[in-house]
């Protein structure tokens, strides 16, 4: 899942171990730890990559790179797909709420990037890179 799942996972990390244990009551302490790591590490790595890509897009859009608007829209589309998948697969209310809030912020950014008022800013940038 995306960065919203990581946020919720970090906020509720104390309950992760008990949730895993409830789902698999016969787990040893080592198995429980492995399950925690297997759940948390991919979320953390994915979130760091996602945050890095969004920061890159913020920088590129701040430089007036017109391609960055397109790439940002593609990233927003991927985020939308991730949110839909999380609604289907993850039935945690907190994850859904955080995901929707993050999605709404992304929607606002995309609307502003493609607004009529933003067009001249991107057209005046003549740098080819």
C-alpha atoms as a PDB file:
ATOM      1  CA  UNK A   1       0.000   0.000   0.000  1.00  0.00           C
ATOM      2  CA  UNK A   2       0.980   3.625  -0.130  1.00  0.00           C
ATOM      3  CA  UNK A   3       2.264   6.166   2.314  1.00  0.00           C
ATOM      4  CA  UNK A   4      -1.120   6.448   4.041  1.00  0.00           C
ATOM      5  CA  UNK A   5      -0.871   2.818   5.155  1.00  0.00           C
ATOM      6  CA  UNK A   6       2.571   3.529   6.608  1.00  0.00           C
ATOM      7  CA  UNK A   7       1.253   6.514   8.561  1.00  0.00           C
ATOM      8  CA  UNK A   8      -1.495   4.419  10.091  1.00  0.00           C
ATOM      9  CA  UNK A   9       0.890   1.508  10.694  1.00  0.00           C
ATOM     10  CA  UNK A  10       3.311   3.765  12.553  1.00  0.00           C
ATOM     11  CA  UNK A  11       0.524   5.311  14.600  1.00  0.00           C
ATOM     12  CA  UNK A  12      -0.828   1.897  15.550  1.00  0.00           C
ATOM     13  CA  UNK A  13       2.423  -0.068  15.767  1.00  0.00           C
ATOM     14  CA  UNK A  14       1.653  -1.145  19.309  1.00  0.00           C
ATOM     15  CA  UNK A  15      -1.417  -3.030  18.181  1.00  0.00           C
ATOM     16  CA  UNK A  16       0.312  -4.707  15.219  1.00  0.00           C
ATOM     17  CA  UNK A  17       1.915  -7.422  17.328  1.00  0.00           C
ATOM     18  CA  UNK A  18      -1.347  -8.242  19.101  1.00  0.00           C
ATOM     19  CA  UNK A  19      -3.252  -8.285  15.791  1.00  0.00           C
ATOM     20  CA  UNK A  20      -0.749 -10.710  14.285  1.00  0.00           C
ATOM     21  CA  UNK A  21      -0.888 -12.870  17.396  1.00  0.00           C
ATOM     22  CA  UNK A  22      -4.710 -12.929  17.322  1.00  0.00           C
ATOM     23  CA  UNK A  23      -4.630 -14.026  13.688  1.00  0.00           C
ATOM     24  CA  UNK A  24      -1.945 -16.664  14.364  1.00  0.00           C
ATOM     25  CA  UNK A  25      -2.142 -17.645  18.058  1.00  0.00           C
ATOM     26  CA  UNK A  26       0.438 -20.422  17.718  1.00  0.00           C
ATOM     27  CA  UNK A  27       3.254 -18.084  16.647  1.00  0.00           C
ATOM     28  CA  UNK A  28       6.537 -18.118  18.487  1.00  0.00           C
ATOM     29  CA  UNK A  29       8.165 -14.836  19.493  1.00  0.00           C
ATOM     30  CA  UNK A  30      10.584 -15.154  16.555  1.00  0.00           C
ATOM     31  CA  UNK A  31       7.752 -15.783  14.076  1.00  0.00           C
ATOM     32  CA  UNK A  32       5.830 -12.829  15.497  1.00  0.00           C
ATOM     33  CA  UNK A  33       8.867 -10.568  15.097  1.00  0.00           C
ATOM     34  CA  UNK A  34       9.414 -11.791  11.526  1.00  0.00           C
ATOM     35  CA  UNK A  35       5.773 -11.074  10.685  1.00  0.00           C
ATOM     36  CA  UNK A  36       6.097  -7.550  12.113  1.00  0.00           C
ATOM     37  CA  UNK A  37       9.236  -6.875  10.081  1.00  0.00           C
ATOM     38  CA  UNK A  38       7.682  -8.356   6.935  1.00  0.00           C
ATOM     39  CA  UNK A  39       4.730  -5.992   7.340  1.00  0.00           C
ATOM     40  CA  UNK A  40       6.615  -2.835   8.313  1.00  0.00           C
ATOM     41  CA  UNK A  41       9.748  -2.835   6.115  1.00  0.00           C
ATOM     42  CA  UNK A  42       7.976  -2.904   2.718  1.00  0.00           C
ATOM     43  CA  UNK A  43       5.643  -0.135   3.902  1.00  0.00           C
ATOM     44  CA  UNK A  44       8.572   1.998   5.029  1.00  0.00           C
ATOM     45  CA  UNK A  45      10.565   1.466   1.820  1.00  0.00           C
ATOM     46  CA  UNK A  46       7.521   2.161  -0.356  1.00  0.00           C
ATOM     47  CA  UNK A  47       6.682   5.279   1.624  1.00  0.00           C
ATOM     48  CA  UNK A  48      10.235   6.645   1.339  1.00  0.00           C
ATOM     49  CA  UNK A  49      10.172   6.084  -2.429  1.00  0.00           C
ATOM     50  CA  UNK A  50       6.718   7.676  -2.718  1.00  0.00           C
ATOM     51  CA  UNK A  51       7.720  10.699  -0.652  1.00  0.00           C
ATOM     52  CA  UNK A  52      10.911  11.097  -2.695  1.00  0.00           C
ATOM     53  CA  UNK A  53       8.980  11.015  -5.973  1.00  0.00           C
ATOM     54  CA  UNK A  54       6.477  13.601  -4.724  1.00  0.00           C
ATOM     55  CA  UNK A  55       9.291  15.869  -3.508  1.00  0.00           C
ATOM     56  CA  UNK A  56      10.946  15.546  -6.922  1.00  0.00           C
ATOM     57  CA  UNK A  57       7.643  16.518  -8.579  1.00  0.00           C
ATOM     58  CA  UNK A  58       7.262  19.497  -6.234  1.00  0.00           C
ATOM     59  CA  UNK A  59      10.750  20.676  -7.159  1.00  0.00           C
ATOM     60  CA  UNK A  60      10.219  20.103 -10.903  1.00  0.00           C
ATOM     61  CA  UNK A  61       6.859  21.872 -10.875  1.00  0.00           C
ATOM     62  CA  UNK A  62       8.424  24.710  -8.884  1.00  0.00           C
ATOM     63  CA  UNK A  63      10.954  25.038 -11.727  1.00  0.00           C
ATOM     64  CA  UNK A  64       8.096  25.289 -14.217  1.00  0.00           C
ATOM     65  CA  UNK A  65       8.825  22.003 -15.983  1.00  0.00           C
ATOM     66  CA  UNK A  66       5.722  21.225 -18.012  1.00  0.00           C
ATOM     67  CA  UNK A  67       6.520  17.484 -18.078  1.00  0.00           C
ATOM     68  CA  UNK A  68       6.298  17.500 -14.279  1.00  0.00           C
ATOM     69  CA  UNK A  69       2.585  18.307 -14.444  1.00  0.00           C
ATOM     70  CA  UNK A  70       2.034  15.203 -16.580  1.00  0.00           C
ATOM     71  CA  UNK A  71       4.165  12.984 -14.335  1.00  0.00           C
ATOM     72  CA  UNK A  72       2.389  14.368 -11.251  1.00  0.00           C
ATOM     73  CA  UNK A  73      -0.949  13.484 -12.836  1.00  0.00           C
ATOM     74  CA  UNK A  74       0.308   9.945 -13.511  1.00  0.00           C
ATOM     75  CA  UNK A  75       1.471   9.638  -9.892  1.00  0.00           C
ATOM     76  CA  UNK A  76      -1.932  10.896  -8.757  1.00  0.00           C
ATOM     77  CA  UNK A  77      -3.585   8.244 -10.932  1.00  0.00           C
ATOM     78  CA  UNK A  78      -1.420   5.574  -9.289  1.00  0.00           C
ATOM     79  CA  UNK A  79      -2.338   6.995  -5.875  1.00  0.00           C
ATOM     80  CA  UNK A  80      -6.008   6.814  -6.846  1.00  0.00           C
ATOM     81  CA  UNK A  81      -5.619   3.173  -7.844  1.00  0.00           C
ATOM     82  CA  UNK A  82      -3.808   2.469  -4.565  1.00  0.00           C
ATOM     83  CA  UNK A  83      -6.666   4.072  -2.634  1.00  0.00           C
ATOM     84  CA  UNK A  84      -9.269   1.992  -4.470  1.00  0.00           C
ATOM     85  CA  UNK A  85      -7.255  -1.168  -3.801  1.00  0.00           C
ATOM     86  CA  UNK A  86      -6.964  -0.275  -0.124  1.00  0.00           C
ATOM     87  CA  UNK A  87     -10.752   0.100   0.072  1.00  0.00           C
ATOM     88  CA  UNK A  88     -11.121  -3.408  -1.338  1.00  0.00           C
ATOM     89  CA  UNK A  89      -8.312  -5.160   0.558  1.00  0.00           C
ATOM     90  CA  UNK A  90      -7.827  -3.200   3.772  1.00  0.00           C
ATOM     91  CA  UNK A  91     -10.878  -2.805   5.909  1.00  0.00           C
ATOM     92  CA  UNK A  92      -9.218  -0.568   8.501  1.00  0.00           C
ATOM     93  CA  UNK A  93     -11.173   2.635   8.952  1.00  0.00           C
ATOM     94  CA  UNK A  94      -8.135   4.668  10.031  1.00  0.00           C
ATOM     95  CA  UNK A  95      -6.228   3.645   6.896  1.00  0.00           C
ATOM     96  CA  UNK A  96      -9.168   4.611   4.703  1.00  0.00           C
ATOM     97  CA  UNK A  97      -9.619   7.998   6.382  1.00  0.00           C
ATOM     98  CA  UNK A  98      -5.923   8.896   6.099  1.00  0.00           C
ATOM     99  CA  UNK A  99      -5.885   7.630   2.510  1.00  0.00           C
ATOM    100  CA  UNK A 100      -8.869   9.788   1.540  1.00  0.00           C
ATOM    101  CA  UNK A 101      -7.342  12.883   3.182  1.00  0.00           C
ATOM    102  CA  UNK A 102      -4.045  12.352   1.339  1.00  0.00           C
ATOM    103  CA  UNK A 103      -5.953  11.727  -1.894  1.00  0.00           C
ATOM    104  CA  UNK A 104      -7.923  14.971  -1.460  1.00  0.00           C
ATOM    105  CA  UNK A 105      -4.690  16.937  -0.960  1.00  0.00           C
ATOM    106  CA  UNK A 106      -3.326  15.331  -4.143  1.00  0.00           C
ATOM    107  CA  UNK A 107      -6.519  16.184  -6.015  1.00  0.00           C
ATOM    108  CA  UNK A 108      -6.248  19.819  -4.925  1.00  0.00           C
ATOM    109  CA  UNK A 109      -2.613  19.913  -6.110  1.00  0.00           C
ATOM    110  CA  UNK A 110      -3.511  18.433  -9.509  1.00  0.00           C
ATOM    111  CA  UNK A 111      -6.388  20.869  -9.948  1.00  0.00           C
ATOM    112  CA  UNK A 112      -4.057  23.776  -9.170  1.00  0.00           C
ATOM    113  CA  UNK A 113      -1.298  22.449 -11.466  1.00  0.00           C
ATOM    114  CA  UNK A 114      -3.698  22.243 -14.405  1.00  0.00           C
ATOM    115  CA  UNK A 115      -5.683  25.400 -13.667  1.00  0.00           C
ATOM    116  CA  UNK A 116      -5.917  28.153 -16.244  1.00  0.00           C
ATOM    117  CA  UNK A 117      -3.885  30.427 -13.970  1.00  0.00           C
ATOM    118  CA  UNK A 118      -0.957  27.963 -13.904  1.00  0.00           C
ATOM    119  CA  UNK A 119      -0.636  27.694 -17.693  1.00  0.00           C
ATOM    120  CA  UNK A 120       1.334  30.908 -18.254  1.00  0.00           C
ATOM    121  CA  UNK A 121       3.843  29.945 -15.549  1.00  0.00           C
ATOM    122  CA  UNK A 122       4.719  26.754 -17.411  1.00  0.00           C
ATOM    123  CA  UNK A 123       4.764  28.439 -20.836  1.00  0.00           C
ATOM    124  CA  UNK A 124       7.209  31.147 -19.733  1.00  0.00           C
ATOM    125  CA  UNK A 125       9.832  28.568 -18.711  1.00  0.00           C
ATOM    126  CA  UNK A 126      12.083  28.139 -21.750  1.00  0.00           C
ATOM    127  CA  UNK A 127      14.731  25.864 -20.268  1.00  0.00           C
ATOM    128  CA  UNK A 128      14.800  22.534 -22.172  1.00  0.00           C
ATOM    129  CA  UNK A 129      15.706  20.464 -19.067  1.00  0.00           C
END
